[in-house]
Amino acid sequence: MFKQFYGRIAAISPCEIDSCLEKENLQLFSISPMYLMRNLNMKTILLALLLTGLLSLTQAFAGGKAFKAYLTGYSYWDNTPPGSARIARPVIHKKAGGTGTYRNPITIAVGHSIVNGKSKMDYPAGTRFYIKRLRKYVIVEDLCGDGPKPQNGPCHTGKYGKPWLDIYVGGAKSRKSASRTCMNKITGVHIFTRNPGNKFPVSIGALTESGCKVF
């Protein structure tokens, strides 16, 4: 019964669906199940459920919200203090690190402000992003901006009207010049996805040590 009917779904006219919904002034994805059962025929119900399922799968695959942000880098050599991988807000790493996968994202620093003597981060610690041109997942675990008024610094104020984030490029196992070259290479406006799904392509490895690839 179901197979016979399912085979007819492709033959349903879009106008047939539209007219049915427009008649009741409804949106396809905001119809209550009870209304469907009372007022629409079975083929319309199945098509609506099919389209809703496809939409859910697409959102689960990609996930998140894309936006543009200005990206810079910091390394083992110019961290605070220099020659260390110390971070201010550890979540999954005790020290700055990561390989860029969803399970092991790279540490990224964000701007912050001092409010009533307390640091308020521009993005909460633990927030994940995906950076498209680097093919890396990152996680907020550090602060960008020193002194008593970091809100006056570049990371909090942003650049080109966009948020400013600072990714850890590694460098502990490389020469200082190599990490500096990597930082210069990645600096610029990038497409970020906040709270991404886990299916984006990944180039695995610490940035400097894996060749600092930009796609």
C-alpha atoms as a PDB file:
ATOM      1  CA  MET A   1       0.000   0.000   0.000  1.00  0.00           C
ATOM      2  CA  PHE A   2       2.705   2.459   1.022  1.00  0.00           C
ATOM      3  CA  LYS A   3       5.045   1.494  -1.827  1.00  0.00           C
ATOM      4  CA  GLN A   4       2.313   1.997  -4.391  1.00  0.00           C
ATOM      5  CA  PHE A   5       1.413   5.388  -2.998  1.00  0.00           C
ATOM      6  CA  TYR A   6       5.045   6.472  -2.496  1.00  0.00           C
ATOM      7  CA  GLY A   7       5.688   5.804  -6.154  1.00  0.00           C
ATOM      8  CA  ARG A   8       3.058   8.416  -7.016  1.00  0.00           C
ATOM      9  CA  ILE A   9       4.627  11.262  -4.993  1.00  0.00           C
ATOM     10  CA  ALA A  10       6.830  12.411  -7.859  1.00  0.00           C
ATOM     11  CA  ALA A  11       3.745  12.806 -10.015  1.00  0.00           C
ATOM     12  CA  ILE A  12       2.019  15.257  -7.650  1.00  0.00           C
ATOM     13  CA  SER A  13       1.714  18.681  -9.199  1.00  0.00           C
ATOM     14  CA  PRO A  14       3.377  21.518  -7.222  1.00  0.00           C
ATOM     15  CA  CYS A  15       0.335  23.628  -8.047  1.00  0.00           C
ATOM     16  CA  GLU A  16      -1.828  21.032  -6.380  1.00  0.00           C
ATOM     17  CA  ILE A  17       0.136  21.401  -3.168  1.00  0.00           C
ATOM     18  CA  ASP A  18       0.374  25.184  -3.372  1.00  0.00           C
ATOM     19  CA  SER A  19      -3.309  25.694  -3.985  1.00  0.00           C
ATOM     20  CA  CYS A  20      -4.147  23.432  -1.086  1.00  0.00           C
ATOM     21  CA  LEU A  21      -1.936  25.380   1.279  1.00  0.00           C
ATOM     22  CA  GLU A  22      -2.771  28.836  -0.049  1.00  0.00           C
ATOM     23  CA  LYS A  23      -6.446  28.128   0.367  1.00  0.00           C
ATOM     24  CA  GLU A  24      -5.904  27.810   4.101  1.00  0.00           C
ATOM     25  CA  ASN A  25      -3.198  30.552   4.208  1.00  0.00           C
ATOM     26  CA  LEU A  26      -0.600  28.140   5.683  1.00  0.00           C
ATOM     27  CA  GLN A  27       3.166  27.715   5.571  1.00  0.00           C
ATOM     28  CA  LEU A  28       4.370  24.241   4.618  1.00  0.00           C
ATOM     29  CA  PHE A  29       6.697  23.782   7.591  1.00  0.00           C
ATOM     30  CA  SER A  30       4.427  25.303  10.251  1.00  0.00           C
ATOM     31  CA  ILE A  31       1.432  22.992   9.823  1.00  0.00           C
ATOM     32  CA  SER A  32       0.352  21.129  12.938  1.00  0.00           C
ATOM     33  CA  PRO A  33       0.063  17.332  12.621  1.00  0.00           C
ATOM     34  CA  MET A  34      -3.571  17.447  13.809  1.00  0.00           C
ATOM     35  CA  TYR A  35      -4.493  19.934  11.084  1.00  0.00           C
ATOM     36  CA  LEU A  36      -2.852  17.730   8.496  1.00  0.00           C
ATOM     37  CA  MET A  37      -4.818  14.697   9.611  1.00  0.00           C
ATOM     38  CA  ARG A  38      -8.129  16.557   9.556  1.00  0.00           C
ATOM     39  CA  ASN A  39      -7.821  18.662   6.411  1.00  0.00           C
ATOM     40  CA  LEU A  40      -5.234  17.416   3.921  1.00  0.00           C
ATOM     41  CA  ASN A  41      -5.215  14.250   1.858  1.00  0.00           C
ATOM     42  CA  MET A  42      -2.638  11.549   2.401  1.00  0.00           C
ATOM     43  CA  LYS A  43      -0.370  12.338  -0.531  1.00  0.00           C
ATOM     44  CA  THR A  44      -0.028  15.966   0.599  1.00  0.00           C
ATOM     45  CA  ILE A  45       0.813  14.818   4.142  1.00  0.00           C
ATOM     46  CA  LEU A  46       3.512  12.429   2.933  1.00  0.00           C
ATOM     47  CA  LEU A  47       5.084  15.033   0.648  1.00  0.00           C
ATOM     48  CA  ALA A  48       5.171  17.590   3.476  1.00  0.00           C
ATOM     49  CA  LEU A  49       6.836  15.060   5.785  1.00  0.00           C
ATOM     50  CA  LEU A  50       9.328  14.104   3.082  1.00  0.00           C
ATOM     51  CA  LEU A  51      10.350  17.719   2.473  1.00  0.00           C
ATOM     52  CA  THR A  52      10.585  18.407   6.203  1.00  0.00           C
ATOM     53  CA  GLY A  53      12.851  15.380   6.638  1.00  0.00           C
ATOM     54  CA  LEU A  54      15.144  16.501   3.822  1.00  0.00           C
ATOM     55  CA  LEU A  55      15.397  19.967   5.368  1.00  0.00           C
ATOM     56  CA  SER A  56      16.308  18.475   8.741  1.00  0.00           C
ATOM     57  CA  LEU A  57      18.992  16.275   7.203  1.00  0.00           C
ATOM     58  CA  THR A  58      20.513  19.258   5.380  1.00  0.00           C
ATOM     59  CA  GLN A  59      20.637  21.295   8.576  1.00  0.00           C
ATOM     60  CA  ALA A  60      22.165  18.397  10.517  1.00  0.00           C
ATOM     61  CA  PHE A  61      24.849  17.917   7.873  1.00  0.00           C
ATOM     62  CA  ALA A  62      25.956  21.536   7.550  1.00  0.00           C
ATOM     63  CA  GLY A  63      24.755  23.048  10.791  1.00  0.00           C
ATOM     64  CA  GLY A  64      25.516  26.446  12.203  1.00  0.00           C
ATOM     65  CA  LYS A  65      25.376  29.973  10.919  1.00  0.00           C
ATOM     66  CA  ALA A  66      27.916  31.386   8.457  1.00  0.00           C
ATOM     67  CA  PHE A  67      29.411  34.852   8.817  1.00  0.00           C
ATOM     68  CA  LYS A  68      32.536  36.767   7.819  1.00  0.00           C
ATOM     69  CA  ALA A  69      35.235  37.683  10.320  1.00  0.00           C
ATOM     70  CA  TYR A  70      38.765  39.042  10.283  1.00  0.00           C
ATOM     71  CA  LEU A  71      41.315  36.380  11.224  1.00  0.00           C
ATOM     72  CA  THR A  72      44.855  36.734  12.533  1.00  0.00           C
ATOM     73  CA  GLY A  73      47.164  34.238  14.187  1.00  0.00           C
ATOM     74  CA  TYR A  74      49.362  33.928  17.225  1.00  0.00           C
ATOM     75  CA  SER A  75      52.040  31.363  17.883  1.00  0.00           C
ATOM     76  CA  TYR A  76      54.024  29.614  20.572  1.00  0.00           C
ATOM     77  CA  TRP A  77      56.689  32.273  20.073  1.00  0.00           C
ATOM     78  CA  ASP A  78      54.587  35.414  20.551  1.00  0.00           C
ATOM     79  CA  ASN A  79      51.982  34.123  22.979  1.00  0.00           C
ATOM     80  CA  THR A  80      51.591  35.691  26.437  1.00  0.00           C
ATOM     81  CA  PRO A  81      54.031  34.800  27.894  1.00  0.00           C
ATOM     82  CA  PRO A  82      56.312  34.252  24.862  1.00  0.00           C
ATOM     83  CA  GLY A  83      57.605  30.732  24.329  1.00  0.00           C
ATOM     84  CA  SER A  84      54.522  29.087  25.803  1.00  0.00           C
ATOM     85  CA  ALA A  85      51.141  27.621  24.833  1.00  0.00           C
ATOM     86  CA  ARG A  86      49.342  28.970  27.905  1.00  0.00           C
ATOM     87  CA  ILE A  87      45.648  29.766  27.447  1.00  0.00           C
ATOM     88  CA  ALA A  88      43.215  31.762  29.573  1.00  0.00           C
ATOM     89  CA  ARG A  89      40.013  29.707  29.204  1.00  0.00           C
ATOM     90  CA  PRO A  90      40.880  26.018  28.711  1.00  0.00           C
ATOM     91  CA  VAL A  91      37.988  23.788  27.658  1.00  0.00           C
ATOM     92  CA  ILE A  92      39.238  20.614  25.988  1.00  0.00           C
ATOM     93  CA  HIS A  93      42.948  21.500  25.959  1.00  0.00           C
ATOM     94  CA  LYS A  94      45.135  22.379  28.921  1.00  0.00           C
ATOM     95  CA  LYS A  95      47.378  24.293  26.530  1.00  0.00           C
ATOM     96  CA  ALA A  96      46.764  25.841  23.119  1.00  0.00           C
ATOM     97  CA  GLY A  97      46.654  23.120  20.484  1.00  0.00           C
ATOM     98  CA  GLY A  98      44.421  20.953  18.335  1.00  0.00           C
ATOM     99  CA  THR A  99      44.558  19.453  14.864  1.00  0.00           C
ATOM    100  CA  GLY A 100      41.459  21.060  13.346  1.00  0.00           C
ATOM    101  CA  THR A 101      39.064  18.109  13.479  1.00  0.00           C
ATOM    102  CA  TYR A 102      35.618  18.349  15.048  1.00  0.00           C
ATOM    103  CA  ARG A 103      36.750  16.290  18.036  1.00  0.00           C
ATOM    104  CA  ASN A 104      40.094  18.069  18.362  1.00  0.00           C
ATOM    105  CA  PRO A 105      39.533  21.656  17.197  1.00  0.00           C
ATOM    106  CA  ILE A 106      42.315  24.239  17.267  1.00  0.00           C
ATOM    107  CA  THR A 107      42.401  26.830  20.027  1.00  0.00           C
ATOM    108  CA  ILE A 108      41.201  30.283  19.022  1.00  0.00           C
ATOM    109  CA  ALA A 109      41.268  33.525  20.995  1.00  0.00           C
ATOM    110  CA  VAL A 110      38.479  36.122  21.008  1.00  0.00           C
ATOM    111  CA  GLY A 111      38.177  39.692  22.185  1.00  0.00           C
ATOM    112  CA  HIS A 112      36.853  40.582  25.602  1.00  0.00           C
ATOM    113  CA  SER A 113      35.965  43.530  27.772  1.00  0.00           C
ATOM    114  CA  ILE A 114      36.358  44.280  31.456  1.00  0.00           C
ATOM    115  CA  VAL A 115      32.968  44.895  33.052  1.00  0.00           C
ATOM    116  CA  ASN A 116      32.798  45.576  36.798  1.00  0.00           C
ATOM    117  CA  GLY A 117      36.262  44.129  37.172  1.00  0.00           C
ATOM    118  CA  LYS A 118      35.383  40.899  35.355  1.00  0.00           C
ATOM    119  CA  SER A 119      36.299  39.733  31.874  1.00  0.00           C
ATOM    120  CA  LYS A 120      33.367  39.311  29.502  1.00  0.00           C
ATOM    121  CA  MET A 121      34.213  37.331  26.371  1.00  0.00           C
ATOM    122  CA  ASP A 122      32.874  38.274  22.942  1.00  0.00           C
ATOM    123  CA  TYR A 123      32.105  34.574  22.407  1.00  0.00           C
ATOM    124  CA  PRO A 124      31.699  32.081  25.290  1.00  0.00           C
ATOM    125  CA  ALA A 125      34.515  29.659  26.027  1.00  0.00           C
ATOM    126  CA  GLY A 126      33.805  26.366  24.268  1.00  0.00           C
ATOM    127  CA  THR A 127      32.135  27.944  21.228  1.00  0.00           C
ATOM    128  CA  ARG A 128      33.054  26.021  18.091  1.00  0.00           C
ATOM    129  CA  PHE A 129      33.612  27.490  14.643  1.00  0.00           C
ATOM    130  CA  TYR A 130      34.575  26.086  11.265  1.00  0.00           C
ATOM    131  CA  ILE A 131      36.867  28.160   9.034  1.00  0.00           C
ATOM    132  CA  LYS A 132      36.135  27.333   5.419  1.00  0.00           C
ATOM    133  CA  ARG A 133      39.401  28.324   3.699  1.00  0.00           C
ATOM    134  CA  LEU A 134      41.541  26.649   6.344  1.00  0.00           C
ATOM    135  CA  ARG A 135      39.295  23.573   6.575  1.00  0.00           C
ATOM    136  CA  LYS A 136      39.714  23.643  10.325  1.00  0.00           C
ATOM    137  CA  TYR A 137      37.388  23.408  13.283  1.00  0.00           C
ATOM    138  CA  VAL A 138      38.358  25.744  16.118  1.00  0.00           C
ATOM    139  CA  ILE A 139      37.233  26.231  19.700  1.00  0.00           C
ATOM    140  CA  VAL A 140      37.259  29.357  21.876  1.00  0.00           C
ATOM    141  CA  GLU A 141      39.792  28.766  24.658  1.00  0.00           C
ATOM    142  CA  ASP A 142      41.783  31.988  24.901  1.00  0.00           C
ATOM    143  CA  LEU A 143      41.526  35.767  25.135  1.00  0.00           C
ATOM    144  CA  CYS A 144      42.829  38.331  22.691  1.00  0.00           C
ATOM    145  CA  GLY A 145      43.682  41.669  24.252  1.00  0.00           C
ATOM    146  CA  ASP A 146      45.766  42.662  27.253  1.00  0.00           C
ATOM    147  CA  GLY A 147      45.769  45.470  29.787  1.00  0.00           C
ATOM    148  CA  PRO A 148      43.054  47.006  31.990  1.00  0.00           C
ATOM    149  CA  LYS A 149      40.850  47.973  29.027  1.00  0.00           C
ATOM    150  CA  PRO A 150      41.048  45.219  26.402  1.00  0.00           C
ATOM    151  CA  GLN A 151      37.747  46.491  24.970  1.00  0.00           C
ATOM    152  CA  ASN A 152      39.760  49.318  23.429  1.00  0.00           C
ATOM    153  CA  GLY A 153      41.973  46.843  21.602  1.00  0.00           C
ATOM    154  CA  PRO A 154      41.539  45.547  18.058  1.00  0.00           C
ATOM    155  CA  CYS A 155      40.145  42.099  18.839  1.00  0.00           C
ATOM    156  CA  HIS A 156      37.107  43.470  20.678  1.00  0.00           C
ATOM    157  CA  THR A 157      36.481  46.400  18.335  1.00  0.00           C
ATOM    158  CA  GLY A 158      36.902  44.268  15.206  1.00  0.00           C
ATOM    159  CA  LYS A 159      38.139  45.229  11.764  1.00  0.00           C
ATOM    160  CA  TYR A 160      36.377  46.300   8.562  1.00  0.00           C
ATOM    161  CA  GLY A 161      33.137  46.225  10.551  1.00  0.00           C
ATOM    162  CA  LYS A 162      33.571  42.497  11.228  1.00  0.00           C
ATOM    163  CA  PRO A 163      34.453  40.447  14.319  1.00  0.00           C
ATOM    164  CA  TRP A 164      38.154  39.762  14.922  1.00  0.00           C
ATOM    165  CA  LEU A 165      39.377  36.306  15.971  1.00  0.00           C
ATOM    166  CA  ASP A 166      42.929  35.106  16.578  1.00  0.00           C
ATOM    167  CA  ILE A 167      43.823  31.454  15.869  1.00  0.00           C
ATOM    168  CA  TYR A 168      46.706  29.557  17.440  1.00  0.00           C
ATOM    169  CA  VAL A 169      49.075  28.544  14.632  1.00  0.00           C
ATOM    170  CA  GLY A 170      51.366  26.388  16.783  1.00  0.00           C
ATOM    171  CA  GLY A 171      55.071  26.689  16.099  1.00  0.00           C
ATOM    172  CA  ALA A 172      56.577  24.971  19.140  1.00  0.00           C
ATOM    173  CA  LYS A 173      58.133  22.353  16.863  1.00  0.00           C
ATOM    174  CA  SER A 174      59.032  24.830  14.133  1.00  0.00           C
ATOM    175  CA  ARG A 175      61.227  27.861  13.741  1.00  0.00           C
ATOM    176  CA  LYS A 176      59.861  31.225  14.782  1.00  0.00           C
ATOM    177  CA  SER A 177      60.111  32.449  11.193  1.00  0.00           C
ATOM    178  CA  ALA A 178      57.893  29.593   9.979  1.00  0.00           C
ATOM    179  CA  SER A 179      55.097  30.493  12.390  1.00  0.00           C
ATOM    180  CA  ARG A 180      55.421  34.167  11.419  1.00  0.00           C
ATOM    181  CA  THR A 181      55.079  33.249   7.742  1.00  0.00           C
ATOM    182  CA  CYS A 182      51.989  31.200   8.554  1.00  0.00           C
ATOM    183  CA  MET A 183      50.388  34.063  10.490  1.00  0.00           C
ATOM    184  CA  ASN A 184      50.912  36.424   7.583  1.00  0.00           C
ATOM    185  CA  LYS A 185      49.503  33.875   5.139  1.00  0.00           C
ATOM    186  CA  ILE A 186      46.190  33.347   6.924  1.00  0.00           C
ATOM    187  CA  THR A 187      45.539  36.963   7.927  1.00  0.00           C
ATOM    188  CA  GLY A 188      42.430  38.400   6.298  1.00  0.00           C
ATOM    189  CA  VAL A 189      38.661  38.068   6.083  1.00  0.00           C
ATOM    190  CA  HIS A 190      37.413  34.478   6.239  1.00  0.00           C
ATOM    191  CA  ILE A 191      34.050  32.718   6.219  1.00  0.00           C
ATOM    192  CA  PHE A 192      33.286  31.193   9.619  1.00  0.00           C
ATOM    193  CA  THR A 193      30.461  28.884  10.623  1.00  0.00           C
ATOM    194  CA  ARG A 194      29.407  29.103  14.255  1.00  0.00           C
ATOM    195  CA  ASN A 195      28.217  25.907  15.970  1.00  0.00           C
ATOM    196  CA  PRO A 196      28.948  23.831  12.845  1.00  0.00           C
ATOM    197  CA  GLY A 197      27.966  20.261  12.153  1.00  0.00           C
ATOM    198  CA  ASN A 198      30.678  17.605  12.093  1.00  0.00           C
ATOM    199  CA  LYS A 199      30.648  16.831   8.358  1.00  0.00           C
ATOM    200  CA  PHE A 200      32.754  19.641   6.895  1.00  0.00           C
ATOM    201  CA  PRO A 201      35.997  18.691   5.091  1.00  0.00           C
ATOM    202  CA  VAL A 202      39.087  18.875   7.296  1.00  0.00           C
ATOM    203  CA  SER A 203      42.791  19.332   6.679  1.00  0.00           C
ATOM    204  CA  ILE A 204      44.263  17.672   9.764  1.00  0.00           C
ATOM    205  CA  GLY A 205      47.214  19.088  11.653  1.00  0.00           C
ATOM    206  CA  ALA A 206      48.519  22.078  13.591  1.00  0.00           C
ATOM    207  CA  LEU A 207      48.677  25.016  11.206  1.00  0.00           C
ATOM    208  CA  THR A 208      52.421  25.741  11.050  1.00  0.00           C
ATOM    209  CA  GLU A 209      53.495  22.113  11.332  1.00  0.00           C
ATOM    210  CA  SER A 210      51.087  20.951   8.583  1.00  0.00           C
ATOM    211  CA  GLY A 211      52.215  23.525   6.036  1.00  0.00           C
ATOM    212  CA  CYS A 212      49.701  26.286   6.824  1.00  0.00           C
ATOM    213  CA  LYS A 213      47.405  25.398   3.926  1.00  0.00           C
ATOM    214  CA  VAL A 214      44.825  27.874   2.651  1.00  0.00           C
ATOM    215  CA  PHE A 215      42.234  26.513   0.214  1.00  0.00           C
END
